[in-house]
Protein backbone atom coordinates (compact mmCIF):
# COMPACT_ATOMS: atom_id res chain seq x y z
CA MET A 1 19.92 -23.08 -3.54
CA ILE A 2 16.90 -20.65 -3.50
CA LEU A 3 18.59 -18.29 -1.31
CA LEU A 4 21.56 -17.28 -3.84
CA LEU A 5 18.99 -17.46 -6.90
CA ILE A 6 16.76 -14.95 -4.66
CA CYS A 7 20.37 -12.86 -4.13
CA VAL A 8 21.00 -13.45 -8.42
CA TYR A 9 17.51 -11.97 -9.01
CA ILE A 10 17.57 -9.10 -6.36
CA SER A 11 21.40 -7.94 -8.11
CA ILE A 12 19.73 -7.68 -11.42
CA VAL A 13 16.62 -5.54 -9.81
CA MET A 14 19.14 -3.26 -8.35
CA SER A 15 20.95 -3.43 -11.58
CA VAL A 16 18.22 -1.95 -13.23
CA SER A 17 17.16 1.01 -10.89
CA ILE A 18 20.84 1.96 -10.68
CA TRP A 19 20.90 2.06 -14.30
CA ALA A 20 17.87 3.92 -14.89
CA SER A 21 18.88 6.29 -12.32
CA ARG A 22 20.98 8.05 -15.18
CA ARG A 23 17.58 9.32 -16.91
CA VAL A 24 17.08 11.61 -13.35
CA LYS A 25 18.25 14.80 -14.72
CA ASN A 26 15.66 17.03 -12.39
CA LEU A 27 13.10 17.04 -9.34
CA ALA A 28 10.68 16.17 -12.12
CA ASP A 29 12.56 13.19 -13.10
CA TYR A 30 13.25 11.86 -9.32
CA MET A 31 9.33 12.60 -8.62
CA HIS A 32 7.24 12.25 -11.04
CA ALA A 33 9.10 10.91 -13.80
CA SER A 34 8.26 14.16 -15.72
CA GLY A 35 4.98 12.61 -16.85
CA LYS A 36 6.31 10.39 -19.48
CA TYR A 37 4.61 6.86 -18.12
CA ASN A 38 3.09 5.09 -21.05
CA LEU A 39 -0.53 3.20 -20.99
CA PRO A 40 1.77 -0.37 -20.27
CA THR A 41 4.48 1.53 -17.87
CA ALA A 42 1.90 2.92 -15.87
CA VAL A 43 -0.15 0.28 -15.60
CA ALA A 44 2.65 -2.56 -14.67
CA THR A 45 4.90 -0.22 -11.98
CA THR A 46 0.98 0.51 -10.11
CA PHE A 47 0.39 -3.10 -10.27
CA ALA A 48 4.04 -3.87 -8.93
CA SER A 49 3.81 -1.58 -5.92
CA TRP A 50 0.13 -2.72 -4.72
CA PHE A 51 0.74 -6.32 -4.89
CA GLY A 52 3.11 -6.82 -2.20
CA ALA A 53 3.16 -8.47 1.63
CA SER A 54 -0.47 -8.31 2.11
CA SER A 55 -1.19 -9.84 -1.29
CA MET A 56 1.55 -12.64 -1.09
CA LEU A 57 1.57 -13.24 2.19
CA ALA A 58 -1.44 -11.79 4.93
CA ALA A 59 -4.16 -12.46 2.42
CA PRO A 60 -3.72 -16.39 1.71
CA ALA A 61 -3.16 -16.73 5.58
CA VAL A 62 -6.33 -15.04 6.06
CA PHE A 63 -7.99 -16.83 3.39
CA ILE A 64 -7.54 -19.90 4.41
CA SER A 65 -9.42 -19.27 7.60
CA THR A 66 -12.05 -17.10 7.31
CA GLY A 67 -12.13 -16.70 3.15
CA THR A 68 -13.34 -13.46 1.57
CA SER A 69 -14.76 -12.10 4.25
CA GLY A 70 -11.72 -11.96 6.67
CA VAL A 71 -10.05 -10.11 3.16
CA ILE A 72 -12.68 -7.43 2.04
CA ALA A 73 -10.34 -4.85 2.87
CA ASP A 74 -7.57 -5.87 0.24
CA PRO A 75 -8.09 -7.38 -2.64
CA TYR A 76 -11.42 -5.86 -2.96
CA ALA A 77 -11.82 -2.54 -1.70
CA SER A 78 -8.13 -1.67 -3.18
CA THR A 79 -10.15 -2.67 -6.56
CA ALA A 80 -13.38 -1.17 -5.73
CA CYS A 81 -10.61 1.77 -5.46
CA CYS A 82 -9.08 1.96 -8.58
CA VAL A 83 -12.77 1.92 -10.55
CA PHE A 84 -13.86 4.91 -8.34
CA LEU A 85 -10.66 6.30 -9.54
CA ALA A 86 -10.48 5.33 -12.90
CA MET A 87 -13.93 6.92 -13.41
CA SER A 88 -13.19 10.52 -11.84
CA VAL A 89 -10.72 11.19 -9.73
CA ALA A 90 -7.41 10.39 -11.44
CA ARG A 91 -8.51 13.00 -13.70
CA LEU A 92 -8.88 15.62 -11.17
CA ILE A 93 -5.79 14.48 -9.91
CA PHE A 94 -4.07 14.98 -13.41
CA ARG A 95 -4.94 18.12 -13.86
CA SER A 96 -3.77 19.84 -10.70
CA LYS A 97 -0.10 19.69 -11.54
CA VAL A 98 1.40 19.84 -8.62
CA TYR A 99 4.25 17.90 -7.19
CA THR A 100 2.88 16.36 -3.66
CA ILE A 101 -0.95 15.78 -2.55
CA GLY A 102 -0.13 18.07 0.33
CA ASP A 103 0.45 20.50 -2.66
CA LEU A 104 -3.62 20.16 -3.68
CA TYR A 105 -4.43 20.62 -0.35
CA ARG A 106 -2.41 24.15 0.05
CA GLU A 107 -4.07 25.40 -3.21
CA ARG A 108 -7.47 24.23 -2.62
CA TYR A 109 -7.23 25.25 1.41
CA ASN A 110 -4.64 26.81 3.16
CA THR A 111 -0.86 25.57 4.84
CA THR A 112 -2.43 24.37 8.05
CA VAL A 113 -4.64 22.04 6.21
CA GLU A 114 -1.67 20.70 3.82
CA ALA A 115 0.73 20.36 7.16
CA MET A 116 -1.65 18.63 8.96
CA SER A 117 -2.80 16.29 6.19
CA SER A 118 1.52 15.56 5.46
CA PHE A 119 1.73 14.82 8.77
CA VAL A 120 -1.05 12.39 8.21
CA ILE A 121 -0.28 10.65 5.45
CA VAL A 122 3.47 10.28 6.01
CA ILE A 123 2.53 8.40 9.31
CA SER A 124 0.21 6.11 7.39
CA TYR A 125 3.30 4.92 5.38
CA LEU A 126 5.42 3.64 8.74
CA GLY A 127 2.62 0.85 8.53
CA TRP A 128 3.79 -0.27 5.11
CA ILE A 129 7.17 0.50 5.41
CA ALA A 130 6.76 -1.84 8.46
CA GLY A 131 4.45 -4.53 6.63
CA VAL A 132 7.11 -5.16 4.03
CA ILE A 133 10.18 -4.85 5.90
CA THR A 134 8.12 -8.02 8.32
CA SER A 135 7.78 -9.47 4.84
CA MET A 136 10.97 -9.76 3.48
CA GLY A 137 12.98 -10.62 6.90
CA LEU A 138 10.15 -13.47 7.96
CA VAL A 139 10.86 -14.78 4.08
CA LEU A 140 14.43 -14.58 4.19
CA ASP A 141 14.68 -16.23 7.82
CA VAL A 142 12.69 -18.77 6.48
CA LEU A 143 15.12 -19.40 3.47
CA SER A 144 18.16 -19.46 5.65
CA GLY A 145 16.40 -22.84 7.52
CA ARG A 146 16.07 -20.01 10.71
CA ASN A 147 19.64 -19.78 11.03
CA MET A 148 19.10 -15.65 10.20
CA GLY A 149 17.41 -14.73 12.60
CA ILE A 150 14.95 -12.13 12.31
CA PRO A 151 16.56 -9.07 13.54
CA LEU A 152 19.56 -9.84 11.02
CA ALA A 153 17.08 -10.71 8.29
CA ASN A 154 14.68 -7.88 8.35
CA THR A 155 18.19 -5.59 8.17
CA LEU A 156 19.05 -6.99 5.40
CA SER A 157 15.51 -6.35 4.06
CA ALA A 158 15.58 -2.53 5.09
CA ALA A 159 18.56 -1.92 3.67
CA MET A 160 17.94 -3.97 0.27
CA ILE A 161 14.60 -1.67 0.14
CA CYS A 162 16.48 1.19 0.79
CA LEU A 163 19.34 0.98 -1.57
CA TYR A 164 16.05 0.27 -4.46
CA ALA A 165 14.99 3.39 -4.14
CA ILE A 166 16.99 6.01 -2.96
CA ARG A 167 18.87 6.62 -5.94
CA GLY A 168 16.92 6.97 -8.95
CA GLY A 169 12.98 7.90 -8.06
CA MET A 170 10.26 7.05 -9.84
CA TRP A 171 12.48 6.23 -13.24
CA SER A 172 13.98 3.44 -11.67
CA LEU A 173 11.07 2.18 -9.88
CA ALA A 174 8.93 2.48 -13.43
CA LEU A 175 11.57 0.47 -15.34
CA ALA A 176 12.32 -2.20 -12.42
CA ASP A 177 8.19 -2.63 -11.61
CA CYS A 178 7.69 -3.32 -15.00
CA LEU A 179 10.83 -6.53 -14.99
CA GLN A 180 8.59 -7.15 -11.25
CA PHE A 181 5.99 -7.19 -12.85
CA VAL A 182 6.23 -10.04 -15.34
CA VAL A 183 7.97 -11.68 -12.76
CA ILE A 184 5.15 -11.78 -10.77
CA ILE A 185 2.84 -12.50 -13.08
CA SER A 186 4.37 -15.53 -14.85
CA GLY A 187 5.85 -16.93 -11.76
CA LEU A 188 2.56 -17.33 -9.87
CA LEU A 189 0.19 -18.01 -12.73
CA PHE A 190 2.74 -20.93 -13.26
CA LEU A 191 2.28 -22.53 -9.56
CA LEU A 192 -1.22 -22.09 -9.53
CA PHE A 193 -1.36 -24.02 -12.72
CA ASN A 194 0.74 -26.85 -11.41
CA PHE A 195 -1.07 -26.71 -8.42
CA SER A 196 -4.57 -26.91 -9.52
CA HIS A 197 -3.19 -29.60 -12.32
CA GLN A 198 -2.79 -31.68 -8.88
CA VAL A 199 -5.97 -31.53 -7.49
CA GLY A 200 -8.15 -32.24 -10.65
CA GLY A 201 -8.01 -28.67 -12.29
CA LEU A 202 -8.84 -25.03 -11.53
CA GLY A 203 -12.42 -25.37 -11.51
CA VAL A 204 -12.09 -28.26 -9.16
CA LEU A 205 -10.06 -26.41 -6.95
CA ILE A 206 -12.20 -23.52 -6.99
CA GLY A 207 -14.94 -25.63 -6.76
CA HIS A 208 -13.42 -27.09 -3.12
CA ALA A 209 -12.68 -23.56 -1.79
CA LEU A 210 -16.74 -22.60 -3.03
CA ASP A 211 -17.95 -25.76 -0.71
CA GLN A 212 -15.87 -24.61 1.84
CA GLY A 213 -17.83 -21.85 2.00
CA LYS A 214 -14.37 -19.76 0.94
CA TYR A 215 -15.75 -17.25 -1.21
CA VAL A 216 -19.09 -16.04 1.04
CA PHE A 217 -17.97 -12.44 1.55
CA PHE A 218 -21.02 -12.14 4.69
CA PRO A 219 -21.10 -15.84 6.13
CA ASP A 220 -21.79 -13.88 9.51
CA HIS A 221 -24.87 -11.29 9.50
CA SER A 222 -24.70 -9.80 13.24
CA PRO A 223 -24.96 -6.06 13.30
CA SER A 224 -21.37 -6.26 14.65
CA LYS A 225 -19.52 -8.10 12.27
CA LEU A 226 -21.19 -6.11 9.22
CA LEU A 227 -20.19 -3.52 11.16
CA LEU A 228 -16.70 -4.25 11.03
CA GLN A 229 -16.28 -5.87 7.44
CA LEU A 230 -17.70 -2.38 6.36
CA SER A 231 -14.81 -0.50 8.16
CA ASP A 232 -12.71 -2.30 6.67
CA PHE A 233 -13.81 -2.09 3.26
CA ILE A 234 -14.81 2.03 3.45
CA GLY A 235 -11.33 2.29 5.94
CA LEU A 236 -9.22 0.97 2.97
CA PHE A 237 -11.16 2.43 -0.13
CA ILE A 238 -11.31 5.84 1.03
CA GLY A 239 -7.60 4.96 2.78
CA LEU A 240 -5.84 4.79 -0.43
CA ILE A 241 -6.81 7.93 -2.08
CA PRO A 242 -5.00 10.67 -0.48
CA GLN A 243 -1.51 8.34 -0.99
CA GLN A 244 1.24 10.40 -2.68
CA ASP A 245 2.68 7.06 -4.46
CA LEU A 246 -1.27 6.99 -5.95
CA PHE A 247 -0.55 10.53 -6.98
CA GLN A 248 2.82 10.23 -8.10
CA ARG A 249 1.82 7.51 -10.51
CA ILE A 250 -0.61 9.26 -11.67
CA ALA A 251 1.19 12.64 -12.13
CA ALA A 252 3.84 10.19 -13.78
CA CYS A 253 1.41 9.68 -16.59
CA SER A 254 1.66 11.27 -20.32
CA ASN A 255 -2.10 12.52 -20.03
CA GLU A 256 -4.66 12.07 -18.12
CA LYS A 257 -6.46 9.62 -20.81
CA ILE A 258 -3.83 7.41 -19.75
CA ALA A 259 -3.94 8.10 -16.06
CA SER A 260 -7.45 6.78 -16.16
CA ARG A 261 -7.48 3.97 -18.20
CA SER A 262 -4.51 2.45 -15.93
CA PHE A 263 -6.13 2.44 -12.70
CA GLY A 264 -9.11 0.67 -14.71
CA ILE A 265 -7.13 -2.09 -16.56
CA MET A 266 -4.80 -2.27 -13.13
CA GLY A 267 -7.84 -3.08 -10.89
CA ILE A 268 -8.95 -5.95 -13.24
CA ILE A 269 -5.33 -7.78 -13.12
CA TYR A 270 -5.06 -6.81 -9.23
CA VAL A 271 -8.39 -8.20 -8.25
CA LEU A 272 -7.78 -11.67 -10.37
CA MET A 273 -3.91 -11.96 -9.68
CA SER A 274 -4.66 -11.16 -5.53
CA ASN A 275 -6.64 -14.25 -5.59
CA VAL A 276 -4.11 -16.46 -7.15
CA PRO A 277 -1.61 -16.85 -4.00
CA MET A 278 -5.05 -17.22 -1.85
CA LEU A 279 -5.91 -20.44 -4.04
CA ILE A 280 -2.77 -21.53 -3.61
CA ALA A 281 -2.43 -21.50 -0.20
CA PHE A 282 -5.75 -23.01 -0.11
CA SER A 283 -4.21 -26.21 -2.21
CA ALA A 284 -2.45 -26.83 0.42
CA THR A 285 -5.23 -27.73 2.51
CA LEU A 286 -5.92 -30.36 0.21
CA LEU A 287 -2.76 -31.50 -1.22
CA ALA A 288 -0.34 -30.99 2.75
CA PRO A 289 -2.96 -30.09 5.66
CA GLY A 290 -0.10 -31.02 7.87
CA ILE A 291 1.42 -28.27 7.04
CA ILE A 292 -2.13 -26.04 7.58
CA SER A 293 -2.87 -27.39 10.95
CA HIS A 294 0.67 -26.75 12.15
CA TYR A 295 1.62 -23.31 11.10
CA MET A 296 -2.00 -21.84 11.90
CA LYS A 297 -0.65 -22.53 15.03
CA LEU A 298 2.57 -20.92 15.23
CA ASP A 299 1.99 -18.63 12.91
CA SER A 300 -0.24 -18.51 9.67
CA GLN A 301 1.79 -16.23 7.25
CA LEU A 302 4.42 -18.95 6.79
CA ILE A 303 1.63 -21.35 5.24
CA LEU A 304 2.26 -20.43 1.68
CA PRO A 305 6.23 -20.38 1.74
CA GLU A 306 6.63 -23.58 3.81
CA PHE A 307 4.21 -25.47 1.50
CA ILE A 308 6.06 -24.39 -1.15
CA LEU A 309 9.50 -25.07 0.14
CA SER A 310 8.50 -28.42 1.38
CA GLN A 311 6.10 -29.86 -1.72
CA THR A 312 7.72 -28.44 -5.24
CA SER A 313 10.82 -28.21 -7.05
CA ILE A 314 13.77 -25.52 -6.80
CA VAL A 315 12.17 -24.91 -10.60
CA PHE A 316 8.60 -23.88 -8.56
CA GLN A 317 10.31 -22.56 -5.76
CA ALA A 318 12.34 -19.52 -7.83
CA ALA A 319 8.87 -18.62 -9.74
CA PHE A 320 7.37 -18.49 -5.84
CA PHE A 321 10.13 -16.41 -4.52
CA GLY A 322 10.65 -14.68 -7.43
CA ALA A 323 7.31 -13.30 -7.43
CA LEU A 324 6.72 -12.58 -3.66
CA PHE A 325 10.74 -10.38 -3.45
CA ALA A 326 9.58 -8.89 -6.99
CA GLY A 327 6.41 -7.21 -5.01
CA LEU A 328 8.24 -7.06 -1.65
CA LEU A 329 11.40 -4.72 -3.64
CA SER A 330 8.42 -2.77 -5.56
CA GLY A 331 5.96 -1.47 -2.64
CA GLY A 332 8.44 -1.25 -0.08
CA GLY A 333 10.18 0.73 -2.55
CA THR A 334 7.52 3.08 -3.24
CA ALA A 335 6.71 3.08 0.39
CA LEU A 336 9.97 4.93 1.22
CA LEU A 337 9.47 7.07 -1.93
CA ALA A 338 6.22 9.08 -1.15
CA PRO A 339 6.89 10.02 2.32
CA ALA A 340 10.14 11.02 1.78
CA THR A 341 9.09 13.43 -1.14
CA THR A 342 5.99 14.52 0.72
CA ILE A 343 8.15 15.90 3.44
CA SER A 344 10.53 16.95 1.57
CA LYS A 345 8.35 19.43 -0.85
CA ASN A 346 5.74 19.87 2.05
CA VAL A 347 8.16 20.43 5.55
CA PHE A 348 11.87 21.68 4.13
CA CYS A 349 10.20 23.13 1.00
CA ARG A 350 7.95 25.47 3.27
CA LEU A 351 10.44 25.85 5.94
CA ARG A 352 13.31 27.03 2.74
CA PRO A 353 11.45 28.08 -0.13
CA ASP A 354 14.88 29.09 -1.47
CA LEU A 355 15.97 25.51 -2.20
CA THR A 356 17.44 24.56 -4.94
CA ASP A 357 16.06 20.98 -7.28
CA SER A 358 19.58 19.07 -6.25
CA GLN A 359 19.12 20.69 -2.55
CA VAL A 360 15.72 18.82 -2.64
CA LEU A 361 16.51 15.99 -3.76
CA PHE A 362 19.71 15.17 -1.19
CA ILE A 363 16.71 16.16 1.49
CA SER A 364 14.40 13.25 -0.60
CA ARG A 365 16.85 10.60 -0.36
CA SER A 366 18.27 11.21 2.78
CA CYS A 367 14.75 11.02 3.98
CA ILE A 368 14.39 7.71 2.38
CA PHE A 369 17.15 6.32 4.69
CA LEU A 370 16.11 7.15 7.96
CA LEU A 371 12.54 6.49 7.20
CA ALA A 372 14.08 2.94 6.01
CA THR A 373 16.26 3.02 9.34
CA LEU A 374 13.20 3.97 12.01
CA GLN A 375 11.07 1.19 10.62
CA LEU A 376 13.31 -1.22 11.02
CA PHE A 377 13.44 -0.52 14.79
CA VAL A 378 9.40 -0.62 14.41
CA THR A 379 9.64 -4.02 13.09
CA LEU A 380 11.88 -5.63 15.62
CA MET A 381 9.27 -4.48 18.43
CA ASP A 382 5.91 -5.00 16.59
CA LYS A 383 4.79 -8.21 16.79
CA LYS A 384 1.50 -7.66 15.05
CA SER A 385 0.38 -9.49 11.81
CA ILE A 386 1.13 -7.98 8.63
CA TYR A 387 -2.48 -7.81 7.26
CA SER A 388 -3.40 -5.80 10.10
CA ILE A 389 -0.40 -3.34 10.44
CA ILE A 390 -0.94 -2.54 6.48
CA VAL A 391 -4.67 -2.26 6.98
CA ASP A 392 -4.43 -0.04 10.27
CA SER A 393 -1.84 2.41 8.03
CA TYR A 394 -4.74 3.07 5.67
CA SER A 395 -7.33 3.73 8.49
CA VAL A 396 -4.87 6.41 9.45
CA THR A 397 -5.88 8.22 6.31
CA SER A 398 -8.93 7.34 5.88
CA VAL A 399 -10.19 9.03 8.97
CA ALA A 400 -8.05 12.68 8.58
CA ALA A 401 -6.92 13.03 5.10
CA ALA A 402 -9.65 11.56 3.00
CA VAL A 403 -12.62 13.13 3.59
CA PRO A 404 -11.18 16.87 2.72
CA LEU A 405 -9.51 15.64 -0.14
CA LEU A 406 -12.86 13.96 -2.24
CA ALA A 407 -14.22 17.54 -0.67
CA ALA A 408 -11.95 19.43 -2.71
CA PHE A 409 -12.99 17.42 -5.72
CA PHE A 410 -16.47 17.09 -5.35
CA TRP A 411 -17.90 20.07 -3.19
CA LYS A 412 -17.49 23.83 -3.93
CA LYS A 413 -18.57 24.67 -0.30
CA ALA A 414 -15.74 23.08 1.36
CA ASN A 415 -13.48 25.21 3.03
CA SER A 416 -10.33 25.87 5.17
CA GLN A 417 -11.90 25.56 8.60
CA GLY A 418 -14.33 22.90 7.47
CA SER A 419 -11.33 20.68 5.98
CA PHE A 420 -9.09 21.68 9.19
CA PHE A 421 -12.05 20.41 11.71
CA SER A 422 -12.50 17.43 9.33
CA VAL A 423 -8.63 16.26 10.28
CA ALA A 424 -8.61 17.24 13.82
CA LEU A 425 -11.31 15.57 14.77
CA GLY A 426 -11.55 12.77 12.38
CA LEU A 427 -7.74 12.06 13.17
CA LEU A 428 -8.92 12.53 17.51
CA SER A 429 -12.48 10.42 17.64
CA TRP A 430 -10.41 7.36 16.04
CA ILE A 431 -7.49 7.52 18.26
CA ILE A 432 -10.04 7.67 20.98
CA ALA A 433 -12.46 5.10 19.81
CA LYS A 434 -9.15 2.60 19.00
CA PHE A 435 -7.39 2.81 21.98
CA PHE A 436 -9.76 4.17 24.86
CA PHE A 437 -12.94 2.53 23.89
CA ALA A 438 -11.91 -1.09 22.14
CA ASP A 439 -15.11 -2.78 23.33
CA LEU A 440 -17.19 -0.10 21.02
CA GLU A 441 -19.87 -1.96 18.79
CA MET A 442 -18.96 0.70 15.99
CA PRO A 443 -15.41 0.04 15.02
CA SER A 444 -12.42 3.01 15.37
CA THR A 445 -12.55 3.43 11.62
CA LEU A 446 -16.17 3.89 11.11
CA ILE A 447 -16.46 6.56 13.51
CA GLY A 448 -13.45 8.69 12.52
CA VAL A 449 -15.00 9.00 9.03
CA LEU A 450 -17.96 10.05 10.24
CA VAL A 451 -16.76 12.69 12.28
CA ALA A 452 -14.60 13.68 9.86
CA ILE A 453 -17.44 14.10 7.21
CA LEU A 454 -19.63 15.80 9.83
CA SER A 455 -16.84 18.17 10.82
CA ILE A 456 -16.18 19.51 7.72
CA VAL A 457 -20.15 19.95 6.47
CA VAL A 458 -20.38 21.58 10.03
CA GLY A 459 -17.28 23.80 10.04
CA SER A 460 -17.76 24.68 6.11
CA ASN A 461 -21.17 26.04 6.86
CA LEU A 462 -19.89 28.03 9.97
CA PRO A 463 -18.75 31.73 9.95
CA PRO A 464 -15.11 32.10 10.10
CA LEU A 465 -13.82 31.47 14.35
CA LYS A 466 -11.92 34.33 15.00
CA LEU A 467 -10.22 32.51 17.73
CA LEU A 468 -8.88 30.39 16.00
CA GLY A 469 -7.45 33.04 13.31
CA VAL A 470 -4.73 32.01 10.80
CA LEU A 471 -5.31 28.27 11.03
CA VAL A 472 -9.23 28.16 9.33
CA ARG A 473 -8.11 31.35 7.00
CA ASP A 474 -8.85 30.40 3.05
CA GLY A 475 -5.25 30.78 1.48
CA ALA A 476 -3.34 30.91 5.02
């Protein structure tokens, strides 16, 4: 029954998306809605796209076992990033008036840095897409009573996400995400009220969590553990900034005040609502400890959905899985649209400057289909947890794209040579540390970020290296 209700809900969302696609008249409509978002739309669509696999499945599972110390990246680093964007960067991005974040690298540095950073940004989205497909497939399989199987469930998930994003671009996502925003907020608050009431009230539930040390951010003061937490925080905090989806939502706002304020408001809503699934999952330790002990051994990511299915009526199940699928569809659509627009604008348009808007639209939609297909195969082979997949995906941009972008805004002396070294050496050092020296006390993400910073400082102060020629020449 619940699976049927979810199918009906997805059909409604798809219908809204298809209806909204009629507003797409040109490339600007598709890529950033021609800059027509008002404040409520900007808040709703950004929240719905960020609040997905990590918030609904991965973080609650980690929170039960380690508390907030294990989820310091998401939601807390994500929230810090929202505040930082609201205070400064959102206005600067809005004023740039370009289609993609790769265009910004080209205008500030050169085409070499544009190509390198665009490649890195596209790679980072592959992890996000994989995390969403994995999450949706996992839930579909659970709802089918494990009769569907992961391969078929993941295939259906990839198809739904692809259909959601492919037609209308940012206009479809905007209108559908407003619906998703209402579903997520109302569904989760309804569930929290129910479960907190069963244990004696919200204050009692939070009190139990505090007594068990779930809200202790730094329980282990050893240098290695603190460095790991710092690495996770910095990785997501700066790794979120050079993201095409974030750039598109800022560019879609009707003015820079809306762009700035939307992230400030969204950050508050995000951190509060991200704690709701974690508290609901924690209530399971009080109301159904048998489920916790069973699924901690089997797959902790199943705790929350199995708890909802076994302990609640169809009304509460519809509230939870409706909110879950709302977040997954929004996040998945965003994760497909962002790299597709980057590839079409910063790869194909550079190779063929004479492409028309309609041709670029066709390429963008084709890339959405190809990316969804590619990541479907990845999810069938990769057995990582959802949380680790998503954190790893942002590590790539934090070590190879964030430093040159922030330097472009805040350091006038930064040049193409420094940014070239920052991208190349930051990524290279991260790969070496992560895959060849995994036993180092210093986390690989922190190593990559430090190397990227050092590289842009040294590279920008060195005289131009003739050996590298056009690769490091400003404006080339």
